[in-house]
Amino acid sequence: MAPPAEERGLKSVVWQKIKTTVLDDCKKEGEWKIMVLDEFTTKLLASCCKMTDLLAEGITVVEDIYKNREPVRQMKALYFITPTSKRGKMALKNGRRD
């Protein structure tokens, strides 16, 4: 797990904000998800959390929105991307493929 809040400062605040505004809203006990990221959100998450933190939130796989990936129909995908028309089109394209 991540170090205690007092050891992380701003990183802890950012991680807590991501948890409450992105992850907590769609977290269900026993349900695993794939998280799809872009370049910016990948850097953002990497700066404030570890894979073990994501696992604790039910995220089992992290994918790049621009890379080809095989559909995983038994898991839901959580798209955490920068809101631009280009990334929106990629998310729609990914959704059609799945």
Protein backbone atom coordinates (compact mmCIF):
# COMPACT_ATOMS: atom_id res chain seq x y z
CA MET A 1 0.00 0.00 0.00
CA ALA A 2 0.98 3.61 -0.37
CA PRO A 3 2.83 5.35 2.46
CA PRO A 4 0.73 7.19 5.06
CA ALA A 5 -0.69 10.59 4.04
CA GLU A 6 1.76 12.55 6.17
CA GLU A 7 4.64 11.04 4.17
CA ARG A 8 3.15 11.85 0.77
CA GLY A 9 1.64 15.34 1.03
CA LEU A 10 0.27 16.55 -2.31
CA LYS A 11 0.49 13.07 -3.85
CA SER A 12 -1.81 11.75 -1.17
CA VAL A 13 -4.31 14.56 -1.76
CA VAL A 14 -4.33 13.86 -5.51
CA TRP A 15 -4.76 10.11 -4.98
CA GLN A 16 -7.63 10.66 -2.52
CA LYS A 17 -9.35 13.01 -5.01
CA ILE A 18 -9.02 10.43 -7.82
CA LYS A 19 -10.41 7.74 -5.53
CA THR A 20 -13.43 9.77 -4.48
CA THR A 21 -14.28 11.33 -7.85
CA VAL A 22 -13.39 8.50 -10.24
CA LEU A 23 -13.02 5.14 -8.53
CA ASP A 24 -15.47 5.15 -5.61
CA ASP A 25 -18.38 5.94 -7.91
CA CYS A 26 -18.06 2.67 -9.82
CA LYS A 27 -16.54 0.35 -7.21
CA LYS A 28 -18.46 -2.84 -6.46
CA GLU A 29 -17.33 -5.54 -4.07
CA GLY A 30 -15.84 -8.51 -5.91
CA GLU A 31 -15.98 -6.84 -9.35
CA TRP A 32 -12.69 -6.32 -11.19
CA LYS A 33 -12.21 -3.69 -13.88
CA ILE A 34 -9.80 -2.65 -16.59
CA MET A 35 -8.64 0.96 -16.47
CA VAL A 36 -7.91 2.65 -19.79
CA LEU A 37 -5.62 5.70 -19.65
CA ASP A 38 -4.04 8.25 -21.98
CA GLU A 39 -0.54 9.74 -21.66
CA PHE A 40 -1.53 12.47 -19.20
CA THR A 41 -3.62 10.30 -16.89
CA THR A 42 -0.94 7.60 -16.93
CA LYS A 43 1.61 10.13 -15.64
CA LEU A 44 -0.89 11.50 -13.15
CA LEU A 45 -1.66 8.08 -11.66
CA ALA A 46 1.99 7.01 -11.70
CA SER A 47 2.89 10.08 -9.66
CA CYS A 48 0.42 9.44 -6.86
CA CYS A 49 -0.29 5.72 -6.57
CA LYS A 50 1.04 2.22 -7.11
CA MET A 51 -0.50 -0.80 -8.78
CA THR A 52 -1.28 -2.21 -5.34
CA ASP A 53 -3.41 0.88 -4.67
CA LEU A 54 -5.33 0.27 -7.90
CA LEU A 55 -5.75 -3.42 -7.05
CA ALA A 56 -7.26 -2.41 -3.72
CA GLU A 57 -9.80 -0.36 -5.69
CA GLY A 58 -10.77 -3.26 -7.97
CA ILE A 59 -8.58 -2.31 -10.96
CA THR A 60 -6.76 -5.40 -12.19
CA VAL A 61 -5.45 -4.28 -15.61
CA VAL A 62 -4.25 -0.86 -16.83
CA GLU A 63 -4.22 -0.23 -20.59
CA ASP A 64 -3.16 2.58 -22.93
CA ILE A 65 -6.07 3.92 -24.97
CA TYR A 66 -3.90 4.11 -28.10
CA LYS A 67 -2.63 0.53 -28.06
CA ASN A 68 -4.52 -2.31 -29.63
CA ARG A 69 -5.89 -4.66 -27.03
CA GLU A 70 -7.98 -7.77 -27.04
CA PRO A 71 -11.56 -7.36 -25.85
CA VAL A 72 -12.19 -8.68 -22.36
CA ARG A 73 -15.94 -9.12 -22.32
CA GLN A 74 -16.14 -10.48 -18.78
CA MET A 75 -14.77 -7.23 -17.29
CA LYS A 76 -15.97 -3.66 -17.41
CA ALA A 77 -13.62 -0.91 -18.54
CA LEU A 78 -13.14 2.37 -16.72
CA TYR A 79 -11.90 5.14 -19.02
CA PHE A 80 -9.86 7.78 -17.17
CA ILE A 81 -8.76 10.04 -20.02
CA THR A 82 -8.22 13.71 -20.74
CA PRO A 83 -11.47 15.15 -22.17
CA THR A 84 -10.56 15.91 -25.79
CA SER A 85 -12.41 15.02 -28.99
CA LYS A 86 -9.51 12.80 -30.13
CA ARG A 87 -9.58 10.73 -26.94
CA GLY A 88 -13.37 10.62 -26.96
CA LYS A 89 -13.28 9.14 -30.46
CA MET A 90 -10.73 6.55 -29.31
CA ALA A 91 -12.96 5.58 -26.38
CA LEU A 92 -15.94 5.17 -28.71
CA LYS A 93 -13.82 3.12 -31.11
CA ASN A 94 -12.66 0.90 -28.23
CA GLY A 95 -16.24 0.47 -27.04
CA ARG A 96 -17.42 -0.67 -30.45
CA ARG A 97 -14.57 -3.16 -30.67
CA ASP A 98 -15.40 -4.64 -27.27
